[in-house]
N, C-alpha and C. Protein backbone atom coordinates (compact mmCIF):
# COMPACT_ATOMS: atom_id res chain seq x y z
N MET A 1 -15.60 9.70 -9.50
CA MET A 1 -15.75 10.91 -8.82
C MET A 1 -14.82 10.79 -7.55
N SER A 2 -13.97 12.04 -7.10
CA SER A 2 -13.35 12.07 -6.09
C SER A 2 -13.94 12.46 -4.87
N TYR A 3 -13.68 12.32 -3.35
CA TYR A 3 -14.29 12.66 -2.69
C TYR A 3 -14.63 14.53 -2.55
N LEU A 4 -13.34 14.89 -3.15
CA LEU A 4 -13.76 16.42 -2.85
C LEU A 4 -14.53 17.12 -4.67
N ASN A 5 -14.57 16.13 -5.10
CA ASN A 5 -15.92 16.50 -5.47
C ASN A 5 -16.84 16.30 -5.45
N TYR A 6 -17.43 15.54 -4.87
CA TYR A 6 -18.25 15.04 -4.11
C TYR A 6 -19.12 16.17 -3.43
N LEU A 7 -18.04 16.67 -2.31
CA LEU A 7 -18.20 17.61 -1.57
C LEU A 7 -18.69 18.60 -1.90
N ASN A 8 -18.01 19.39 -3.32
CA ASN A 8 -17.98 20.58 -3.99
C ASN A 8 -19.60 20.34 -4.55
N GLN A 9 -19.91 18.96 -5.14
CA GLN A 9 -21.29 18.70 -5.98
C GLN A 9 -22.46 19.29 -4.58
N ALA A 10 -21.92 18.45 -3.62
CA ALA A 10 -22.68 18.73 -2.86
C ALA A 10 -23.40 20.18 -2.11
N ARG A 11 -22.29 20.74 -1.96
CA ARG A 11 -22.31 22.67 -1.67
C ARG A 11 -22.87 22.77 -2.45
N GLU A 12 -22.43 23.00 -3.99
CA GLU A 12 -23.52 23.71 -5.12
C GLU A 12 -24.67 23.11 -5.24
N SER A 13 -25.26 21.83 -4.73
CA SER A 13 -26.43 21.33 -5.07
C SER A 13 -27.10 22.28 -3.58
N SER A 14 -27.12 22.12 -2.67
CA SER A 14 -27.67 22.81 -1.71
C SER A 14 -27.73 24.53 -1.73
N ASP A 15 -26.78 24.57 -2.16
CA ASP A 15 -26.97 26.39 -2.91
C ASP A 15 -28.25 26.66 -3.25
N ARG A 16 -28.11 26.05 -4.27
CA ARG A 16 -28.95 25.66 -5.59
C ARG A 16 -30.90 25.46 -4.64
N ILE A 17 -30.62 24.07 -4.09
CA ILE A 17 -32.06 23.91 -3.11
C ILE A 17 -32.72 25.42 -2.40
N SER A 18 -31.21 25.86 -1.50
CA SER A 18 -31.71 26.36 -0.62
C SER A 18 -32.72 27.93 -1.35
N SER A 19 -31.73 28.32 -2.72
CA SER A 19 -32.40 29.72 -3.62
C SER A 19 -33.39 29.21 -4.61
N GLY A 20 -34.01 27.96 -4.67
CA GLY A 20 -35.17 27.67 -4.96
C GLY A 20 -34.77 27.13 -6.38
N ASP A 21 -33.81 26.71 -7.03
CA ASP A 21 -33.11 26.91 -8.55
C ASP A 21 -32.87 25.85 -8.60
N TYR A 22 -33.30 24.38 -7.76
CA TYR A 22 -32.87 23.37 -8.26
C TYR A 22 -34.23 22.41 -8.14
N THR A 23 -34.15 20.97 -9.06
CA THR A 23 -35.47 20.36 -8.82
C THR A 23 -34.60 19.17 -9.20
N PRO A 24 -34.37 18.34 -8.43
CA PRO A 24 -33.68 17.05 -8.57
C PRO A 24 -34.26 16.05 -9.56
N LEU A 25 -33.60 15.78 -10.66
CA LEU A 25 -33.83 14.73 -11.81
C LEU A 25 -34.57 13.11 -11.36
N SER A 26 -33.74 12.75 -9.98
CA SER A 26 -33.62 11.90 -9.54
C SER A 26 -33.32 10.94 -8.22
N THR A 27 -33.99 10.25 -7.57
CA THR A 27 -33.38 10.45 -5.99
C THR A 27 -32.40 9.22 -6.22
N PRO A 28 -31.63 9.94 -5.00
CA PRO A 28 -30.40 9.18 -5.33
C PRO A 28 -30.18 7.45 -4.66
N LYS A 29 -29.51 6.56 -4.48
CA LYS A 29 -30.00 5.54 -3.84
C LYS A 29 -29.15 5.41 -2.68
N ASP A 30 -29.58 4.54 -1.57
CA ASP A 30 -28.88 4.57 -0.67
C ASP A 30 -28.37 3.09 -0.14
N ASP A 31 -27.07 2.73 -0.21
CA ASP A 31 -26.50 1.86 0.48
C ASP A 31 -26.27 1.49 1.98
N ALA A 32 -26.53 0.10 2.55
CA ALA A 32 -26.96 0.00 3.61
C ALA A 32 -25.97 -1.16 4.16
N GLU A 33 -25.52 -1.31 5.13
CA GLU A 33 -24.58 -3.09 5.58
C GLU A 33 -25.63 -3.42 6.77
N GLU A 34 -26.05 -4.62 6.10
CA GLU A 34 -26.83 -5.62 7.14
C GLU A 34 -26.51 -6.98 7.42
N SER A 35 -25.94 -7.61 8.37
CA SER A 35 -25.51 -8.00 8.81
C SER A 35 -26.51 -9.81 8.30
N THR A 36 -26.07 -10.33 7.10
CA THR A 36 -27.11 -11.60 6.67
C THR A 36 -25.92 -13.24 6.45
N GLY A 37 -25.08 -13.22 7.71
CA GLY A 37 -24.53 -14.26 7.80
C GLY A 37 -22.83 -13.79 7.65
N GLY A 38 -22.41 -12.58 7.60
CA GLY A 38 -21.25 -11.81 8.23
C GLY A 38 -21.46 -10.46 8.26
N LEU A 39 -20.83 -9.79 9.60
CA LEU A 39 -21.18 -8.33 9.95
C LEU A 39 -21.66 -7.52 9.13
N MET A 40 -20.81 -7.33 7.95
CA MET A 40 -21.02 -6.59 6.84
C MET A 40 -21.14 -6.74 5.52
N SER A 41 -22.32 -7.50 5.38
CA SER A 41 -22.33 -8.18 3.86
C SER A 41 -23.49 -7.00 3.48
N ARG A 42 -23.85 -7.01 2.27
CA ARG A 42 -24.24 -5.81 1.39
C ARG A 42 -25.59 -5.92 0.93
N MET A 43 -26.41 -4.81 1.32
CA MET A 43 -27.83 -4.85 1.05
C MET A 43 -28.01 -3.66 0.15
N VAL A 44 -28.23 -3.57 -0.79
CA VAL A 44 -28.51 -2.24 -1.68
C VAL A 44 -30.22 -2.03 -1.49
N LYS A 45 -30.49 -0.96 -0.84
CA LYS A 45 -31.68 -0.36 -1.31
C LYS A 45 -32.11 0.77 -1.97
N GLU A 46 -33.26 1.24 -2.75
CA GLU A 46 -33.18 2.22 -3.50
C GLU A 46 -34.53 3.14 -2.92
N ASP A 47 -34.08 4.45 -2.68
CA ASP A 47 -35.47 5.00 -1.95
C ASP A 47 -36.07 5.91 -3.17
N THR A 48 -37.31 5.42 -3.36
CA THR A 48 -37.88 5.62 -4.74
C THR A 48 -38.97 7.13 -4.16
N ALA A 49 -39.48 7.21 -2.59
CA ALA A 49 -39.80 8.69 -2.24
C ALA A 49 -39.03 10.07 -2.55
N LYS A 50 -40.22 10.53 -3.12
CA LYS A 50 -39.54 11.82 -3.58
C LYS A 50 -38.94 12.95 -2.40
N PRO A 51 -38.02 13.23 -2.47
CA PRO A 51 -37.47 14.10 -1.45
C PRO A 51 -38.24 15.56 -1.43
N SER A 52 -38.50 15.83 0.26
CA SER A 52 -38.51 17.47 0.16
C SER A 52 -37.06 18.21 -0.15
N THR A 53 -37.85 19.41 -0.10
CA THR A 53 -36.30 20.40 -0.10
C THR A 53 -35.37 19.90 0.79
N GLU A 54 -35.48 20.24 2.10
CA GLU A 54 -34.86 19.90 3.29
C GLU A 54 -34.34 18.50 3.37
N ASP A 55 -34.98 17.16 3.07
CA ASP A 55 -34.55 16.45 2.88
C ASP A 55 -33.32 16.09 1.81
N MET A 56 -33.36 17.16 1.14
CA MET A 56 -32.68 16.74 -0.09
C MET A 56 -31.28 17.95 0.66
N ILE A 57 -30.96 18.72 0.99
CA ILE A 57 -30.04 19.13 1.88
C ILE A 57 -29.80 18.40 3.04
N LEU A 58 -30.17 17.95 3.66
CA LEU A 58 -29.68 16.69 4.47
C LEU A 58 -28.84 15.73 3.79
N ARG A 59 -29.74 15.31 2.59
CA ARG A 59 -28.82 14.07 1.83
C ARG A 59 -27.83 14.43 1.62
N TYR A 60 -27.32 15.35 0.75
CA TYR A 60 -26.23 15.81 0.55
C TYR A 60 -25.21 16.50 1.02
N MET A 61 -26.00 17.01 1.95
CA MET A 61 -24.51 17.70 2.88
C MET A 61 -24.67 16.86 4.63
N GLY A 62 -25.54 16.88 5.10
CA GLY A 62 -25.18 16.18 6.73
C GLY A 62 -25.25 17.35 7.42
N SER A 63 -25.27 17.50 8.47
CA SER A 63 -24.70 18.13 9.15
C SER A 63 -24.26 17.92 10.66
N MET A 64 -24.24 16.59 11.08
CA MET A 64 -23.59 16.93 12.05
C MET A 64 -22.13 15.44 11.85
N ARG A 65 -21.06 15.51 12.53
CA ARG A 65 -20.24 14.95 12.09
C ARG A 65 -19.95 14.07 13.17
N PRO A 66 -20.31 12.03 12.84
CA PRO A 66 -20.10 11.90 14.16
C PRO A 66 -18.55 11.74 14.96
N PRO A 67 -18.46 11.04 16.12
CA PRO A 67 -16.89 11.25 16.80
C PRO A 67 -15.83 10.55 15.97
N VAL A 68 -15.09 11.08 15.92
CA VAL A 68 -13.84 10.73 14.55
C VAL A 68 -12.75 9.89 15.74
N GLU A 69 -12.34 8.87 15.44
CA GLU A 69 -11.67 7.82 15.84
C GLU A 69 -10.10 8.20 15.76
N GLU A 70 -9.07 8.38 16.59
CA GLU A 70 -8.01 8.76 16.34
C GLU A 70 -7.12 7.45 15.04
N GLY A 71 -6.49 8.56 13.19
CA GLY A 71 -6.65 7.75 12.82
C GLY A 71 -7.68 7.64 11.43
N ILE A 72 -8.72 8.04 11.66
CA ILE A 72 -9.41 8.10 10.43
C ILE A 72 -9.50 9.45 9.92
N ASP A 73 -9.13 9.20 8.33
CA ASP A 73 -9.13 10.15 7.49
C ASP A 73 -10.17 11.15 7.06
N THR A 74 -10.46 11.97 7.93
CA THR A 74 -11.29 13.26 7.82
C THR A 74 -12.09 13.74 6.61
N ARG A 75 -11.13 13.80 5.81
CA ARG A 75 -11.60 13.88 4.21
C ARG A 75 -12.34 13.62 3.46
N VAL A 76 -12.60 11.91 4.00
CA VAL A 76 -14.25 11.49 3.98
C VAL A 76 -14.87 11.52 4.61
N LEU A 77 -15.16 11.41 5.75
CA LEU A 77 -15.71 11.97 6.44
C LEU A 77 -16.83 13.47 6.24
N GLU A 78 -15.96 14.60 5.03
CA GLU A 78 -16.48 15.03 4.66
C GLU A 78 -17.85 14.86 3.36
N ASN A 79 -17.23 13.77 3.10
CA ASN A 79 -17.78 12.97 1.96
C ASN A 79 -19.57 12.46 2.74
N ARG A 80 -20.70 13.20 1.80
CA ARG A 80 -22.12 12.37 2.56
C ARG A 80 -22.02 11.00 1.97
N PHE A 81 -21.85 11.11 1.50
CA PHE A 81 -21.59 9.56 0.45
C PHE A 81 -21.08 8.36 0.71
N ARG A 82 -19.69 8.69 1.83
CA ARG A 82 -18.97 7.71 2.00
C ARG A 82 -19.84 6.56 2.99
N GLY A 83 -19.20 5.28 3.15
CA GLY A 83 -19.10 4.15 3.46
C GLY A 83 -20.71 3.14 2.97
N THR A 84 -20.70 3.51 1.76
CA THR A 84 -21.49 2.53 0.54
C THR A 84 -20.09 1.64 0.57
N GLY A 85 -20.31 0.63 1.32
CA GLY A 85 -19.95 -0.62 0.88
C GLY A 85 -18.46 -0.79 0.99
N ILE A 86 -17.89 -0.77 -0.33
CA ILE A 86 -16.71 -0.47 -1.03
C ILE A 86 -15.94 0.31 -0.79
N ASP A 87 -16.44 1.38 -0.39
CA ASP A 87 -15.64 2.77 0.22
C ASP A 87 -15.46 2.72 1.43
N ALA A 88 -16.28 2.55 2.13
CA ALA A 88 -15.65 2.20 3.78
C ALA A 88 -14.77 0.93 4.16
N ALA A 89 -14.99 0.02 2.95
CA ALA A 89 -13.82 -1.22 3.34
C ALA A 89 -12.63 -0.82 2.40
N ARG A 90 -12.48 0.49 1.52
CA ARG A 90 -11.06 0.80 0.89
C ARG A 90 -10.76 2.14 1.67
N GLU A 91 -11.06 2.42 2.49
CA GLU A 91 -10.69 3.60 3.48
C GLU A 91 -10.47 2.81 4.90
N ALA A 92 -10.86 1.65 5.34
CA ALA A 92 -10.76 0.86 6.61
C ALA A 92 -9.07 0.27 6.16
N LEU A 93 -9.28 -0.41 5.18
CA LEU A 93 -7.68 -0.69 4.50
C LEU A 93 -6.80 0.31 4.66
N ALA A 94 -7.08 1.45 3.96
CA ALA A 94 -6.15 2.14 4.07
C ALA A 94 -5.68 3.03 5.65
N THR A 95 -6.77 3.33 5.94
CA THR A 95 -6.35 3.44 7.60
C THR A 95 -5.19 2.90 8.03
N ILE A 96 -5.32 1.50 7.90
CA ILE A 96 -4.65 0.23 8.70
C ILE A 96 -3.12 0.22 8.40
N GLU A 97 -3.15 0.11 6.46
CA GLU A 97 -2.01 0.15 5.89
C GLU A 97 -1.04 1.03 5.79
N SER A 98 -1.43 2.35 5.79
CA SER A 98 -0.52 3.75 5.79
C SER A 98 -1.04 4.72 6.38
N ARG A 99 -1.33 4.31 7.40
CA ARG A 99 -1.66 5.84 8.36
C ARG A 99 -0.60 6.02 8.69
N GLY A 100 -0.38 7.76 8.66
CA GLY A 100 0.99 8.60 8.99
C GLY A 100 2.02 7.81 8.50
N SER A 101 2.34 6.90 6.89
CA SER A 101 3.45 6.59 6.29
C SER A 101 3.80 6.92 5.14
N GLY A 102 2.90 7.53 4.66
CA GLY A 102 2.84 8.37 3.30
C GLY A 102 1.68 8.42 2.28
N GLY A 103 0.47 7.51 2.55
CA GLY A 103 -0.29 7.55 1.74
C GLY A 103 -0.34 6.66 0.70
N TYR A 104 -0.18 7.44 -0.28
CA TYR A 104 -0.14 6.81 -1.95
C TYR A 104 1.17 6.81 -1.99
N SER A 105 2.18 7.34 -1.38
CA SER A 105 3.69 7.59 -1.81
C SER A 105 4.54 6.75 -0.62
N ALA A 106 3.78 5.94 0.23
CA ALA A 106 4.10 5.06 0.93
C ALA A 106 4.81 3.72 0.57
N ARG A 107 5.97 3.56 1.10
CA ARG A 107 7.11 2.61 0.80
C ARG A 107 7.22 1.77 1.98
N GLY A 108 6.55 0.23 2.40
CA GLY A 108 6.53 0.01 3.41
C GLY A 108 8.31 -1.25 3.65
N PRO A 109 8.17 -1.75 4.74
CA PRO A 109 9.79 -2.59 5.18
C PRO A 109 10.36 -3.72 4.37
N VAL A 110 11.36 -3.51 4.15
CA VAL A 110 11.83 -4.69 3.37
C VAL A 110 11.06 -6.09 3.97
N VAL A 111 10.78 -6.70 3.22
CA VAL A 111 10.17 -8.13 3.76
C VAL A 111 11.33 -8.86 3.65
N LYS A 112 11.11 -9.66 5.01
CA LYS A 112 12.50 -10.69 5.12
C LYS A 112 12.34 -11.95 4.94
N SER A 113 11.32 -12.64 4.79
CA SER A 113 11.23 -13.93 4.53
C SER A 113 9.72 -13.87 3.74
N GLY A 114 9.49 -15.36 2.95
CA GLY A 114 8.38 -15.58 2.38
C GLY A 114 8.50 -15.39 0.86
N MET A 115 7.55 -15.31 0.53
CA MET A 115 7.40 -15.33 -1.31
C MET A 115 7.74 -14.06 -1.77
N TYR A 116 7.51 -13.01 -0.72
CA TYR A 116 7.40 -11.18 -1.27
C TYR A 116 8.96 -11.16 -0.57
N ARG A 117 10.12 -11.39 -0.12
CA ARG A 117 11.22 -11.65 0.38
C ARG A 117 12.24 -10.62 0.08
N GLY A 118 12.49 -9.35 0.21
CA GLY A 118 13.02 -8.58 -0.49
C GLY A 118 12.29 -7.29 -1.17
N GLN A 119 11.13 -8.07 -0.95
CA GLN A 119 10.38 -6.06 -1.49
C GLN A 119 9.63 -5.47 -0.60
N ARG A 120 9.26 -4.56 -1.05
CA ARG A 120 8.57 -3.47 0.03
C ARG A 120 7.46 -2.98 -0.89
N ALA A 121 6.44 -3.08 0.14
CA ALA A 121 4.74 -2.92 -0.22
C ALA A 121 4.62 -1.49 -0.33
N LEU A 122 3.98 -1.24 -1.39
CA LEU A 122 3.67 -0.06 -2.39
C LEU A 122 2.66 0.93 -2.19
N GLY A 123 2.26 2.00 -1.59
CA GLY A 123 1.12 2.77 -1.53
C GLY A 123 0.56 2.76 -0.65
N ARG A 124 -0.96 3.42 -0.87
CA ARG A 124 -1.97 3.67 0.71
C ARG A 124 -2.18 2.42 0.61
N TYR A 125 -2.00 1.36 -0.02
CA TYR A 125 -2.87 0.27 0.50
C TYR A 125 -1.57 -0.98 0.42
N GLN A 126 -0.45 -0.47 0.45
CA GLN A 126 0.42 -1.49 0.73
C GLN A 126 0.38 -2.61 -0.19
N VAL A 127 0.45 -2.86 -1.49
CA VAL A 127 0.45 -3.63 -2.36
C VAL A 127 2.01 -4.25 -2.50
N MET A 128 2.07 -5.84 -2.57
CA MET A 128 3.68 -5.81 -3.15
C MET A 128 4.00 -5.72 -4.76
N PRO A 129 4.84 -5.27 -4.93
CA PRO A 129 5.57 -5.16 -6.38
C PRO A 129 5.05 -6.44 -7.40
N GLY A 130 5.58 -7.93 -6.82
CA GLY A 130 5.37 -8.80 -7.21
C GLY A 130 3.79 -9.13 -8.05
N ASN A 131 2.56 -8.14 -7.03
CA ASN A 131 1.22 -8.30 -7.58
C ASN A 131 1.11 -7.52 -8.33
N VAL A 132 1.48 -6.28 -8.75
CA VAL A 132 1.66 -4.92 -9.53
C VAL A 132 1.63 -5.49 -11.03
N PRO A 133 2.01 -5.95 -12.11
CA PRO A 133 1.78 -6.02 -12.92
C PRO A 133 0.56 -6.94 -13.36
N SER A 134 -0.09 -7.87 -12.45
CA SER A 134 -1.19 -8.61 -13.20
C SER A 134 -2.65 -7.70 -12.38
N TRP A 135 -2.17 -7.36 -10.80
CA TRP A 135 -3.52 -6.95 -10.85
C TRP A 135 -3.93 -5.53 -11.32
N THR A 136 -2.80 -4.49 -12.02
CA THR A 136 -3.09 -3.76 -12.69
C THR A 136 -3.66 -4.08 -14.22
N LYS A 137 -3.32 -5.16 -14.35
CA LYS A 137 -3.96 -5.80 -15.79
C LYS A 137 -5.27 -5.98 -15.48
N LYS A 138 -5.59 -6.46 -14.58
CA LYS A 138 -7.28 -6.76 -14.39
C LYS A 138 -7.98 -5.77 -14.14
N ALA A 139 -7.45 -4.64 -13.37
CA ALA A 139 -8.22 -3.89 -13.26
C ALA A 139 -8.35 -2.83 -14.15
N LEU A 140 -7.31 -2.37 -14.41
CA LEU A 140 -6.87 -1.13 -15.75
C LEU A 140 -7.39 -1.63 -17.07
N GLY A 141 -6.70 -2.91 -17.12
CA GLY A 141 -6.61 -3.33 -18.30
C GLY A 141 -5.25 -3.23 -19.48
N ARG A 142 -4.39 -2.67 -18.71
CA ARG A 142 -2.83 -2.92 -18.84
C ARG A 142 -1.85 -2.94 -17.49
N SER A 143 -0.95 -3.49 -18.30
CA SER A 143 0.64 -4.05 -16.75
C SER A 143 0.85 -2.69 -16.68
N MET A 144 1.47 -2.11 -15.35
CA MET A 144 2.40 -1.45 -15.00
C MET A 144 3.09 -1.58 -14.15
N THR A 145 3.84 -1.17 -14.06
CA THR A 145 5.79 -1.13 -13.31
C THR A 145 5.28 -0.56 -12.01
N PRO A 146 5.71 -1.53 -11.28
CA PRO A 146 5.50 -0.86 -9.29
C PRO A 146 6.04 0.27 -9.82
N ASP A 147 7.25 1.14 -9.91
CA ASP A 147 6.81 2.71 -9.91
C ASP A 147 6.15 3.54 -10.43
N GLU A 148 5.52 3.42 -12.17
CA GLU A 148 4.26 3.73 -12.23
C GLU A 148 2.75 3.54 -11.50
N PHE A 149 3.16 2.30 -11.03
CA PHE A 149 1.79 2.13 -9.59
C PHE A 149 1.98 2.95 -8.63
N LEU A 150 3.23 3.19 -7.93
CA LEU A 150 3.59 4.01 -6.83
C LEU A 150 3.42 5.48 -7.37
N ALA A 151 3.16 6.36 -8.65
CA ALA A 151 3.09 7.26 -8.65
C ALA A 151 1.49 7.45 -9.28
N SER A 152 0.47 6.80 -8.95
CA SER A 152 -0.66 6.70 -9.47
C SER A 152 -1.75 6.64 -8.51
N SER A 153 -2.34 7.65 -7.91
CA SER A 153 -3.24 7.08 -6.60
C SER A 153 -4.36 7.02 -7.72
N GLU A 154 -5.01 7.00 -8.86
CA GLU A 154 -5.83 6.32 -9.57
C GLU A 154 -5.50 5.07 -9.64
N ALA A 155 -4.10 4.62 -9.76
CA ALA A 155 -3.94 2.99 -10.18
C ALA A 155 -4.17 2.10 -8.67
N GLN A 156 -3.68 2.76 -7.60
CA GLN A 156 -3.36 2.32 -6.81
C GLN A 156 -5.06 2.05 -5.93
N ASP A 157 -6.47 3.11 -6.02
CA ASP A 157 -7.26 2.87 -5.90
C ASP A 157 -8.64 2.17 -7.10
N ALA A 158 -8.14 2.16 -7.87
CA ALA A 158 -8.53 1.11 -9.03
C ALA A 158 -7.93 -0.57 -8.58
N VAL A 159 -7.01 -0.80 -8.52
CA VAL A 159 -6.80 -1.83 -8.23
C VAL A 159 -7.22 -2.44 -6.35
N VAL A 160 -7.21 -1.85 -5.69
CA VAL A 160 -8.16 -1.82 -4.58
C VAL A 160 -9.68 -2.52 -4.74
N ASN A 161 -10.05 -1.77 -5.25
CA ASN A 161 -11.53 -1.91 -5.49
C ASN A 161 -12.12 -2.77 -6.17
N TYR A 162 -10.77 -3.37 -7.26
CA TYR A 162 -11.24 -4.16 -8.10
C TYR A 162 -11.06 -5.69 -6.87
N GLN A 163 -9.97 -5.64 -5.92
CA GLN A 163 -9.75 -6.93 -5.12
C GLN A 163 -10.26 -6.92 -4.57
N LEU A 164 -11.15 -5.75 -3.88
CA LEU A 164 -11.49 -5.76 -2.33
C LEU A 164 -13.45 -6.61 -3.23
N GLN A 165 -13.89 -5.57 -4.09
CA GLN A 165 -14.92 -6.27 -4.96
C GLN A 165 -15.01 -7.60 -5.40
N SER A 166 -13.85 -7.98 -5.46
CA SER A 166 -13.97 -9.57 -6.02
C SER A 166 -13.75 -10.28 -4.97
N SER A 167 -13.44 -10.30 -4.04
CA SER A 167 -12.88 -11.20 -3.20
C SER A 167 -14.24 -11.09 -2.34
N PHE A 168 -15.08 -9.69 -2.05
CA PHE A 168 -16.78 -9.84 -1.50
C PHE A 168 -17.75 -10.20 -2.36
N ASP A 169 -17.42 -10.31 -3.55
CA ASP A 169 -18.65 -10.81 -4.81
C ASP A 169 -18.38 -12.04 -4.91
N LYS A 170 -16.82 -12.87 -4.26
CA LYS A 170 -17.11 -14.37 -3.88
C LYS A 170 -17.06 -14.91 -2.72
N TYR A 171 -17.09 -14.12 -1.85
CA TYR A 171 -17.01 -15.03 -0.60
C TYR A 171 -18.16 -14.16 0.62
N GLY A 172 -18.82 -12.98 -0.20
CA GLY A 172 -19.96 -12.30 0.61
C GLY A 172 -19.92 -11.32 1.35
N THR A 173 -18.43 -10.89 2.17
CA THR A 173 -18.75 -10.22 3.09
C THR A 173 -17.23 -9.36 2.59
N TRP A 174 -17.32 -8.12 3.61
CA TRP A 174 -16.54 -7.53 3.49
C TRP A 174 -15.55 -7.75 4.45
N GLU A 175 -15.33 -8.31 5.81
CA GLU A 175 -14.71 -9.39 6.52
C GLU A 175 -14.32 -10.30 6.01
N ASP A 176 -14.52 -10.84 4.92
CA ASP A 176 -13.87 -11.87 4.07
C ASP A 176 -12.59 -11.19 3.17
N ALA A 177 -13.20 -10.39 2.13
CA ALA A 177 -12.54 -9.23 1.39
C ALA A 177 -11.31 -8.96 2.08
N ALA A 178 -11.34 -8.44 3.59
CA ALA A 178 -10.21 -8.06 4.09
C ALA A 178 -9.10 -9.12 4.48
N SER A 179 -9.89 -10.13 4.58
CA SER A 179 -9.07 -11.50 5.46
C SER A 179 -8.28 -12.01 4.08
N VAL A 180 -9.22 -11.41 2.68
CA VAL A 180 -8.39 -12.26 1.98
C VAL A 180 -7.13 -11.27 1.32
N TRP A 181 -7.46 -10.16 1.01
CA TRP A 181 -5.90 -9.55 1.30
C TRP A 181 -5.11 -9.31 2.00
N PHE A 182 -5.23 -9.17 3.33
CA PHE A 182 -4.34 -9.86 4.42
C PHE A 182 -3.20 -11.06 3.94
N SER A 183 -4.35 -11.78 4.28
CA SER A 183 -3.66 -13.10 4.40
C SER A 183 -4.03 -14.16 3.20
N GLY A 184 -4.83 -13.81 1.79
CA GLY A 184 -4.92 -14.39 1.19
C GLY A 184 -5.99 -15.54 0.75
N LYS A 185 -6.63 -15.72 2.43
CA LYS A 185 -7.56 -16.27 2.54
C LYS A 185 -9.17 -15.82 2.94
N PRO A 186 -9.84 -16.43 3.23
CA PRO A 186 -11.42 -15.67 3.56
C PRO A 186 -11.33 -16.31 5.13
N VAL A 187 -12.00 -15.65 6.05
CA VAL A 187 -11.76 -15.46 7.54
C VAL A 187 -12.62 -17.40 7.87
N ARG A 188 -12.69 -17.61 7.19
CA ARG A 188 -13.25 -19.82 8.00
C ARG A 188 -11.28 -20.10 7.67
N ARG A 189 -10.87 -19.45 6.25
CA ARG A 189 -9.73 -20.53 6.57
C ARG A 189 -8.77 -19.71 6.48
N ALA A 190 -8.13 -18.25 7.28
CA ALA A 190 -7.72 -17.78 7.46
C ALA A 190 -6.21 -17.92 8.90
N GLY A 191 -7.44 -18.78 9.43
CA GLY A 191 -6.81 -18.94 11.24
C GLY A 191 -5.62 -17.69 11.05
N SER A 192 -4.28 -17.43 11.90
CA SER A 192 -4.13 -16.39 12.40
C SER A 192 -2.94 -16.18 12.16
N VAL A 193 -2.81 -16.19 11.14
CA VAL A 193 -1.43 -15.80 10.17
C VAL A 193 -0.96 -14.54 10.26
N SER A 194 0.10 -14.34 10.53
CA SER A 194 0.62 -13.05 11.17
C SER A 194 1.73 -12.59 10.14
N ASP A 195 1.71 -11.10 9.67
CA ASP A 195 2.92 -10.55 8.95
C ASP A 195 4.77 -10.10 9.83
N GLY A 196 3.93 -10.41 11.11
CA GLY A 196 5.65 -10.19 11.80
C GLY A 196 4.89 -8.82 12.93
N ASN A 197 3.91 -7.94 12.77
CA ASN A 197 2.84 -7.20 13.05
C ASN A 197 1.51 -7.47 13.56
N LEU A 198 1.01 -7.70 13.16
CA LEU A 198 -0.84 -8.19 13.13
C LEU A 198 -1.02 -9.60 12.99
N THR A 199 -2.03 -10.29 13.79
CA THR A 199 -2.32 -11.69 13.21
C THR A 199 -3.64 -11.25 12.11
N THR A 200 -4.23 -12.06 11.66
CA THR A 200 -5.65 -12.02 10.96
C THR A 200 -6.51 -11.48 11.81
N PRO A 201 -6.78 -12.41 13.27
CA PRO A 201 -8.17 -11.91 13.81
C PRO A 201 -7.84 -10.06 14.35
N GLU A 202 -6.39 -10.10 14.90
CA GLU A 202 -5.99 -8.62 15.33
C GLU A 202 -6.46 -7.40 13.81
N TYR A 203 -6.15 -7.90 12.61
CA TYR A 203 -6.65 -7.43 11.51
C TYR A 203 -7.56 -7.03 11.27
N LEU A 204 -8.39 -8.38 11.67
CA LEU A 204 -9.86 -7.97 11.37
C LEU A 204 -10.70 -7.00 12.26
N GLN A 205 -9.99 -7.51 13.45
CA GLN A 205 -10.42 -6.44 14.36
C GLN A 205 -10.61 -5.16 14.34
N LYS A 206 -9.05 -4.61 13.51
CA LYS A 206 -8.88 -3.21 13.26
C LYS A 206 -10.19 -2.80 12.31
N PHE A 207 -10.11 -3.78 11.14
CA PHE A 207 -11.02 -3.08 10.02
C PHE A 207 -12.14 -3.12 10.40
N THR A 208 -12.53 -4.03 11.28
CA THR A 208 -14.20 -3.86 12.06
C THR A 208 -14.55 -2.78 12.42
N ARG A 209 -13.62 -2.24 13.16
CA ARG A 209 -13.88 -0.95 13.73
C ARG A 209 -13.71 0.12 12.82
N TYR A 210 -13.00 0.24 11.80
CA TYR A 210 -12.29 1.50 10.92
C TYR A 210 -13.60 1.35 9.96
N TYR A 211 -14.23 0.39 9.77
CA TYR A 211 -15.40 0.05 8.57
C TYR A 211 -16.49 0.80 9.14
N GLN A 212 -17.05 0.36 10.46
CA GLN A 212 -17.56 0.96 10.58
C GLN A 212 -18.25 2.41 11.03
N GLN A 213 -16.82 3.01 11.34
CA GLN A 213 -16.32 4.45 11.56
C GLN A 213 -16.43 4.81 10.18
N TYR A 214 -16.54 4.41 9.42
CA TYR A 214 -16.60 5.11 7.57
C TYR A 214 -17.96 5.03 7.31
N SER A 215 -18.22 3.81 7.99
CA SER A 215 -20.14 3.55 7.16
C SER A 215 -20.92 4.16 8.01
N GLN A 216 -20.67 4.69 9.07
CA GLN A 216 -21.79 5.39 10.08
C GLN A 216 -21.90 6.78 8.76
N PRO A 217 -23.55 6.97 8.57
CA PRO A 217 -23.83 8.52 7.96
C PRO A 217 -24.18 9.64 9.13
N ARG A 218 -24.26 10.45 8.90
CA ARG A 218 -24.10 11.62 9.10
C ARG A 218 -25.69 12.20 9.64
N ARG A 219 -25.74 12.73 11.10
CA ARG A 219 -26.81 12.44 11.27
C ARG A 219 -27.73 14.48 11.10
N GLY A 220 -28.91 14.33 10.77
CA GLY A 220 -29.24 15.81 10.74
C GLY A 220 -29.41 16.79 12.36
N ARG A 221 -29.43 17.45 12.36
CA ARG A 221 -29.76 18.22 13.79
C ARG A 221 -30.94 17.91 14.14
């Protein structure tokens, strides 16, 4: 479900709760990030207590936005359920990779050297064209061409979700997942690889800052 759909659902639920015309069928789950061997390793907690009407309103809507750092996508901050591990990681990557350069339609500069020489990274998360066929096959069950991939925001989101989650499952932290996305290696093996603009430590510093911003829950009044 898209962020806009979440927001619309939250607003609708809040109106129904306020009017007394809504009985929750189940209690939502909260995802929390806790440091257990990595700054952003994930621990999922299930809230089993039945929420009050006021709690439900705050749970769905929130009422106070945290300070927004420059470059943060404010559309994501409208989503009360943002920051559930992979959501925060994905948005942190997007903020680094394509902020101000076109989002889903972004094209990076021509790579001058290395295995991707002559290619231009594509889309919101700057995926190299050479990776598109195999990555879309894994994430979507069918291969896409670079042009098809660039034209589909759904495909771009699905690919980054698949890649990040796979790295998280293998290495245990979102730091490692971001390091693999940038350098191809987890933190302990990445060293100071550079893309000509950022080194791995610099990239991870940005990622951590944005990840924490997107993970921050909205507080009630």
